[in-house]
Amino acid sequence: MEKIKNIVKIIARKILPGNSPNFIIIGAQKSATTSLHYYLDQHPDLIGSKQKELHFFDRLMHHGYRLKWYKKNFINFSLKPKIFFESTPSYIYHQEVPLQLKSTFPTIKLILILRNPVDRAFSAWNMYKSMFPEEERHRIMKEPLPNKVNPIYSYFYDGRSEFPNFSETIEIEKKIMLKNTEKEPAILRRGLYYDQLQNYYKYFDKNEILILGFKDLIENLEETLKLCTRFLDVSDFDFKNVDKEPKNTRKYNNKMSDKERDLLTDFYQKPNEKLFDLLGYRPNW
C-alpha cells in the first residue's frame, strides 16, 4: 500500500502545477534550521518541502531552473488548504536574494534564526573539517553547481594533506575579505548579521521577518514554536507530543581555544552592537 502511495505522489508531482511557498526559513547556517523545519512540518496545516534546502534563489534560478520547477516542490496531497515552506539557510547571506524573493512572492513571510556568530563560525569549521575524507572532498568540490569549482574546496581541501586548524581558517578568510572578490568561504562573514539583515529590510517590513534566537529553540522550544504559528497565522497546535529530537546535529571532539574565542569576540563586537541597535534587543543566541 505504501509503495502505491509513493507512486501516486510521484505522478502527482509531474501532473500538478505545484504551489508558492507562504514562508521561508532563510537562515542562518548552523543555527538549527533543520530542526525548526522538522518541527514545523509536524503541524497539520504546514507542509515543508521534502528536500529541506532548495537553493533556488541563491543558485539554481541563475542556472536554468525555472519557477515552475520550484513550485513543484510544494504539492498538497490533501483536500484541505495548506501552508507551504522551505528552509535554505544561505538565503540570508546572499545579497541578491531578498529582492528576488520579494519580487517573486510579494506577501511571503520569513523566519530567521540568529546564533552567536562566534559559536556559529566554530560549528561551520567543524562541519567542513568533518567533510575532509576523500568522498566528501569530491562531493563538496562539485557544489554549489556542477562543473564549477567551489571556493571552499579550493581554499580548504585542494592539495592539502590535512584540514586547516580553526586559527588558520580564520586567517585565510580575513585575507579573502581584504580582496573582497569571493563570497566563499564565509565561515566568518556568515556571522555578520547586521549587514545581511539591513539588506533584507530594504525590501521587507520588520513585521514580515520573525527573528528567533538559537537558544530559544533549546531552552523554550514549545513557546518558540507557538510564536512561529502566531506569526504565520495558522491554528494553535499542541507541540508537546511532537518529535522534538534535534536534527542534523553532530558532536565534535575539537574545542575552541580561549585565544580563538577572544579573537572572534573582538572581530564581531562592533557588528554585533550595530545588530543589537537595529533589533532593539539582544537575541537569546
Protein backbone atom coordinates (compact mmCIF):
# COMPACT_ATOMS: atom_id res chain seq x y z
CA MET A 1 0.00 0.00 0.00
CA GLU A 2 2.82 2.38 0.90
CA LYS A 3 4.51 1.67 -2.42
CA ILE A 4 1.32 2.58 -4.30
CA LYS A 5 1.05 5.84 -2.33
CA ASN A 6 4.60 6.77 -3.27
CA ILE A 7 3.94 6.05 -6.95
CA VAL A 8 0.80 8.22 -6.84
CA LYS A 9 2.81 11.06 -5.27
CA ILE A 10 5.48 10.83 -7.96
CA ILE A 11 2.85 11.01 -10.70
CA ALA A 12 1.04 13.85 -8.93
CA ARG A 13 4.23 15.90 -8.75
CA LYS A 14 4.59 15.60 -12.51
CA ILE A 15 0.97 16.48 -13.25
CA LEU A 16 0.05 19.06 -10.61
CA PRO A 17 1.27 22.65 -11.07
CA GLY A 18 2.61 22.99 -7.54
CA ASN A 19 2.23 25.91 -5.16
CA SER A 20 4.01 29.03 -3.99
CA PRO A 21 5.64 28.93 -0.55
CA ASN A 22 3.93 31.00 2.13
CA PHE A 23 7.05 31.40 4.23
CA ILE A 24 10.74 30.52 4.12
CA ILE A 25 13.32 29.87 6.83
CA ILE A 26 16.23 31.93 5.46
CA GLY A 27 18.98 31.15 7.97
CA ALA A 28 21.34 31.28 9.49
CA GLN A 29 23.65 28.41 8.60
CA LYS A 30 24.47 26.11 11.58
CA SER A 31 21.62 27.63 13.61
CA ALA A 32 19.13 24.75 13.96
CA THR A 33 17.22 25.46 10.74
CA THR A 34 16.93 21.72 10.05
CA SER A 35 15.36 21.14 13.44
CA LEU A 36 12.91 24.03 13.05
CA HIS A 37 11.95 22.80 9.58
CA TYR A 38 11.23 19.35 11.01
CA TYR A 39 9.25 20.66 14.00
CA LEU A 40 7.03 22.95 11.91
CA ASP A 41 6.47 20.24 9.32
CA GLN A 42 4.65 18.25 12.01
CA HIS A 43 1.95 20.93 12.27
CA PRO A 44 -1.12 19.60 10.40
CA ASP A 45 -1.58 22.85 8.44
CA LEU A 46 2.04 23.17 7.31
CA ILE A 47 3.90 21.32 4.56
CA GLY A 48 7.66 21.67 4.32
CA SER A 49 9.50 20.87 1.11
CA LYS A 50 10.69 17.25 1.09
CA GLN A 51 14.17 18.48 0.23
CA LYS A 52 14.72 20.98 3.01
CA GLU A 53 17.19 23.27 1.21
CA LEU A 54 16.06 24.09 -2.32
CA HIS A 55 18.72 26.74 -3.06
CA PHE A 56 16.55 28.17 -5.82
CA PHE A 57 17.10 31.88 -5.21
CA ASP A 58 20.81 31.75 -4.42
CA ARG A 59 21.87 29.17 -7.03
CA LEU A 60 19.51 27.32 -9.29
CA MET A 61 17.46 30.17 -10.76
CA HIS A 62 20.69 31.55 -12.20
CA HIS A 63 21.47 28.27 -13.94
CA GLY A 64 18.42 27.29 -15.94
CA TYR A 65 15.96 26.21 -13.27
CA ARG A 66 12.53 27.82 -13.59
CA LEU A 67 9.87 28.89 -11.12
CA LYS A 68 7.74 26.01 -12.38
CA TRP A 69 10.33 23.56 -11.05
CA TYR A 70 10.47 25.39 -7.73
CA LYS A 71 6.71 25.32 -7.18
CA LYS A 72 6.57 21.59 -7.81
CA ASN A 73 8.40 21.15 -4.53
CA PHE A 74 5.19 22.25 -2.80
CA ILE A 75 2.44 19.73 -3.53
CA ASN A 76 -0.72 19.33 -1.45
CA PHE A 77 -1.94 15.72 -1.38
CA SER A 78 -4.80 16.69 0.94
CA LEU A 79 -8.16 18.29 0.15
CA LYS A 80 -7.56 20.84 2.91
CA PRO A 81 -5.64 24.08 2.21
CA LYS A 82 -2.05 24.02 3.43
CA ILE A 83 0.74 26.47 4.19
CA PHE A 84 3.97 25.65 2.31
CA PHE A 85 7.56 26.40 3.23
CA GLU A 86 11.19 25.56 2.59
CA SER A 87 14.39 26.24 4.50
CA THR A 88 17.57 27.40 2.77
CA PRO A 89 19.89 28.93 5.40
CA SER A 90 22.18 30.57 2.85
CA TYR A 91 19.39 32.91 1.68
CA ILE A 92 20.21 35.36 4.48
CA TYR A 93 23.82 35.61 3.29
CA HIS A 94 23.44 36.26 -0.43
CA GLN A 95 22.78 39.90 -1.31
CA GLU A 96 20.61 39.31 -4.36
CA VAL A 97 18.10 37.02 -2.64
CA PRO A 98 15.77 39.46 -0.77
CA LEU A 99 14.86 41.42 -3.90
CA GLN A 100 14.25 38.20 -5.82
CA LEU A 101 12.08 36.82 -3.03
CA LYS A 102 10.02 39.98 -2.68
CA SER A 103 9.50 40.45 -6.41
CA THR A 104 8.52 36.79 -6.87
CA PHE A 105 6.36 36.35 -3.76
CA PRO A 106 5.27 39.82 -2.50
CA THR A 107 3.36 38.51 0.53
CA ILE A 108 5.84 35.90 1.70
CA LYS A 109 6.92 35.77 5.35
CA LEU A 110 10.41 34.92 6.55
CA ILE A 111 11.87 33.28 9.65
CA LEU A 112 15.48 33.85 10.69
CA ILE A 113 17.37 32.12 13.50
CA LEU A 114 20.38 34.01 14.87
CA ARG A 115 23.16 32.14 16.63
CA ASN A 116 26.10 33.68 18.45
CA PRO A 117 28.42 34.27 15.47
CA VAL A 118 31.47 33.01 17.37
CA ASP A 119 29.84 29.65 18.07
CA ARG A 120 28.30 29.56 14.61
CA ALA A 121 31.70 30.05 12.96
CA PHE A 122 33.28 27.26 15.00
CA SER A 123 30.38 24.93 14.20
CA ALA A 124 30.77 25.69 10.48
CA TRP A 125 34.52 25.00 10.66
CA ASN A 126 33.84 21.65 12.35
CA MET A 127 31.33 20.78 9.63
CA TYR A 128 33.78 21.45 6.82
CA LYS A 129 36.57 19.67 8.68
CA SER A 130 34.38 16.57 9.01
CA MET A 131 34.00 16.55 5.23
CA PHE A 132 37.75 16.23 4.65
CA PRO A 133 37.72 12.47 3.83
CA GLU A 134 38.08 11.82 0.11
CA GLU A 135 34.44 11.01 -0.71
CA GLU A 136 33.25 14.22 0.96
CA ARG A 137 36.02 16.27 -0.66
CA HIS A 138 34.77 15.08 -4.03
CA ARG A 139 31.18 16.00 -3.16
CA ILE A 140 31.92 19.49 -1.94
CA MET A 141 34.15 20.15 -4.96
CA LYS A 142 31.03 19.84 -7.14
CA GLU A 143 28.98 22.24 -5.03
CA PRO A 144 27.33 24.64 -5.38
CA LEU A 145 26.90 23.68 -9.04
CA PRO A 146 28.25 21.01 -11.40
CA ASN A 147 31.31 21.96 -13.44
CA LYS A 148 32.14 24.86 -11.12
CA VAL A 149 34.88 24.54 -8.52
CA ASN A 150 33.63 25.52 -5.09
CA PRO A 151 35.93 28.12 -3.46
CA ILE A 152 35.55 26.24 -0.18
CA TYR A 153 37.21 23.26 -1.88
CA SER A 154 39.93 25.45 -3.37
CA TYR A 155 40.93 27.06 -0.08
CA PHE A 156 40.35 24.27 2.44
CA TYR A 157 40.69 20.95 0.61
CA ASP A 158 42.65 21.08 -2.64
CA GLY A 159 46.27 19.98 -2.33
CA ARG A 160 46.14 19.59 1.45
CA SER A 161 47.08 16.53 3.46
CA GLU A 162 45.06 17.77 6.44
CA PHE A 163 42.36 20.34 7.06
CA PRO A 164 43.50 23.80 8.29
CA ASN A 165 43.04 24.38 12.00
CA PHE A 166 40.50 26.94 13.19
CA SER A 167 43.02 29.77 13.64
CA GLU A 168 44.44 29.18 10.16
CA THR A 169 40.93 29.12 8.71
CA ILE A 170 40.19 32.49 10.29
CA GLU A 171 43.33 34.00 8.76
CA ILE A 172 42.54 32.52 5.33
CA GLU A 173 39.16 34.20 5.28
CA LYS A 174 40.44 37.52 6.61
CA LYS A 175 42.82 37.68 3.64
CA ILE A 176 39.93 36.90 1.28
CA MET A 177 37.87 39.67 2.89
CA LEU A 178 40.63 42.18 2.16
CA LYS A 179 40.48 41.25 -1.53
CA ASN A 180 36.66 41.30 -1.48
CA THR A 181 36.49 39.09 -4.57
CA GLU A 182 34.71 35.92 -3.45
CA LYS A 183 31.64 35.10 -1.35
CA GLU A 184 33.09 31.82 -0.11
CA PRO A 185 34.48 30.56 2.13
CA ALA A 186 32.33 32.56 4.55
CA ILE A 187 32.87 30.98 7.93
CA LEU A 188 33.33 34.47 9.42
CA ARG A 189 31.17 36.53 7.08
CA ARG A 190 28.01 34.49 7.55
CA GLY A 191 28.01 35.79 11.12
CA LEU A 192 27.89 39.47 10.08
CA TYR A 193 24.14 39.57 10.61
CA TYR A 194 23.74 43.35 10.71
CA ASP A 195 24.68 43.84 7.06
CA GLN A 196 22.59 40.85 5.97
CA LEU A 197 19.50 41.94 7.87
CA GLN A 198 19.82 45.54 6.71
CA ASN A 199 19.80 44.23 3.16
CA TYR A 200 16.53 42.40 3.81
CA TYR A 201 14.95 45.44 5.44
CA LYS A 202 15.34 47.29 2.14
CA TYR A 203 12.59 45.08 0.74
CA PHE A 204 10.74 43.62 3.74
CA ASP A 205 8.99 45.32 6.64
CA LYS A 206 10.20 44.25 10.06
CA ASN A 207 6.85 42.60 10.78
CA GLU A 208 7.40 40.30 7.79
CA ILE A 209 10.51 38.71 9.32
CA LEU A 210 10.33 36.70 12.54
CA ILE A 211 13.71 36.63 14.27
CA LEU A 212 14.45 33.84 16.73
CA GLY A 213 17.45 33.28 18.96
CA PHE A 214 19.26 29.95 18.65
CA LYS A 215 18.91 29.31 22.39
CA ASP A 216 15.15 29.95 22.20
CA LEU A 217 14.87 26.63 20.39
CA ILE A 218 16.92 24.88 23.04
CA GLU A 219 15.61 26.46 26.23
CA ASN A 220 11.98 27.21 25.38
CA LEU A 221 11.05 25.16 22.33
CA GLU A 222 7.29 24.87 22.71
CA GLU A 223 6.76 28.59 23.29
CA THR A 224 9.07 29.37 20.38
CA LEU A 225 7.05 27.11 18.08
CA LYS A 226 3.84 28.79 19.24
CA LEU A 227 5.43 32.13 18.42
CA CYS A 228 6.04 30.80 14.91
CA THR A 229 2.43 29.66 14.44
CA ARG A 230 1.11 33.04 15.62
CA PHE A 231 3.45 34.80 13.21
CA LEU A 232 2.22 32.55 10.39
CA ASP A 233 -1.46 33.00 11.33
CA VAL A 234 -2.08 29.26 11.50
CA SER A 235 -4.16 27.36 14.02
CA ASP A 236 -2.88 26.68 17.51
CA PHE A 237 -1.19 23.32 17.83
CA ASP A 238 -0.07 21.37 20.86
CA PHE A 239 3.60 20.75 20.21
CA LYS A 240 4.01 18.75 23.42
CA ASN A 241 3.57 15.43 21.65
CA VAL A 242 5.61 16.03 18.51
CA ASP A 243 9.06 14.56 17.94
CA LYS A 244 11.43 17.19 19.35
CA GLU A 245 14.66 15.33 18.71
CA PRO A 246 17.18 17.85 17.29
CA LYS A 247 18.06 17.18 13.66
CA ASN A 248 21.35 17.39 11.77
CA THR A 249 23.37 17.80 14.95
CA ARG A 250 26.86 16.42 15.36
CA LYS A 251 29.22 16.03 18.28
CA TYR A 252 32.76 17.17 17.59
CA ASN A 253 35.88 16.45 19.59
CA ASN A 254 37.51 19.78 18.78
CA LYS A 255 37.29 22.60 21.31
CA MET A 256 37.72 26.29 20.62
CA SER A 257 40.67 27.77 22.50
CA ASP A 258 40.23 30.83 24.72
CA LYS A 259 42.53 32.73 22.38
CA GLU A 260 40.39 31.87 19.35
CA ARG A 261 37.18 32.80 21.18
CA ASP A 262 38.64 36.13 22.28
CA LEU A 263 39.83 36.81 18.74
CA LEU A 264 36.39 36.23 17.25
CA THR A 265 34.58 38.01 20.06
CA ASP A 266 36.65 41.08 19.23
CA PHE A 267 36.04 40.59 15.49
CA TYR A 268 32.26 40.55 15.95
CA GLN A 269 31.96 43.16 18.72
CA LYS A 270 31.15 46.22 16.59
CA PRO A 271 28.94 44.37 14.06
CA ASN A 272 27.03 42.81 16.97
CA GLU A 273 26.45 46.18 18.64
CA LYS A 274 25.05 47.53 15.37
CA LEU A 275 22.79 44.48 15.15
CA PHE A 276 21.51 44.98 18.70
CA ASP A 277 20.72 48.62 17.91
CA LEU A 278 18.88 47.57 14.75
CA LEU A 279 16.82 44.96 16.59
CA GLY A 280 16.33 46.97 19.76
CA TYR A 281 17.37 43.99 21.90
CA ARG A 282 19.99 41.26 22.25
CA PRO A 283 18.79 37.94 20.82
CA ASN A 284 18.93 34.86 23.03
CA TRP A 285 21.53 33.21 20.84
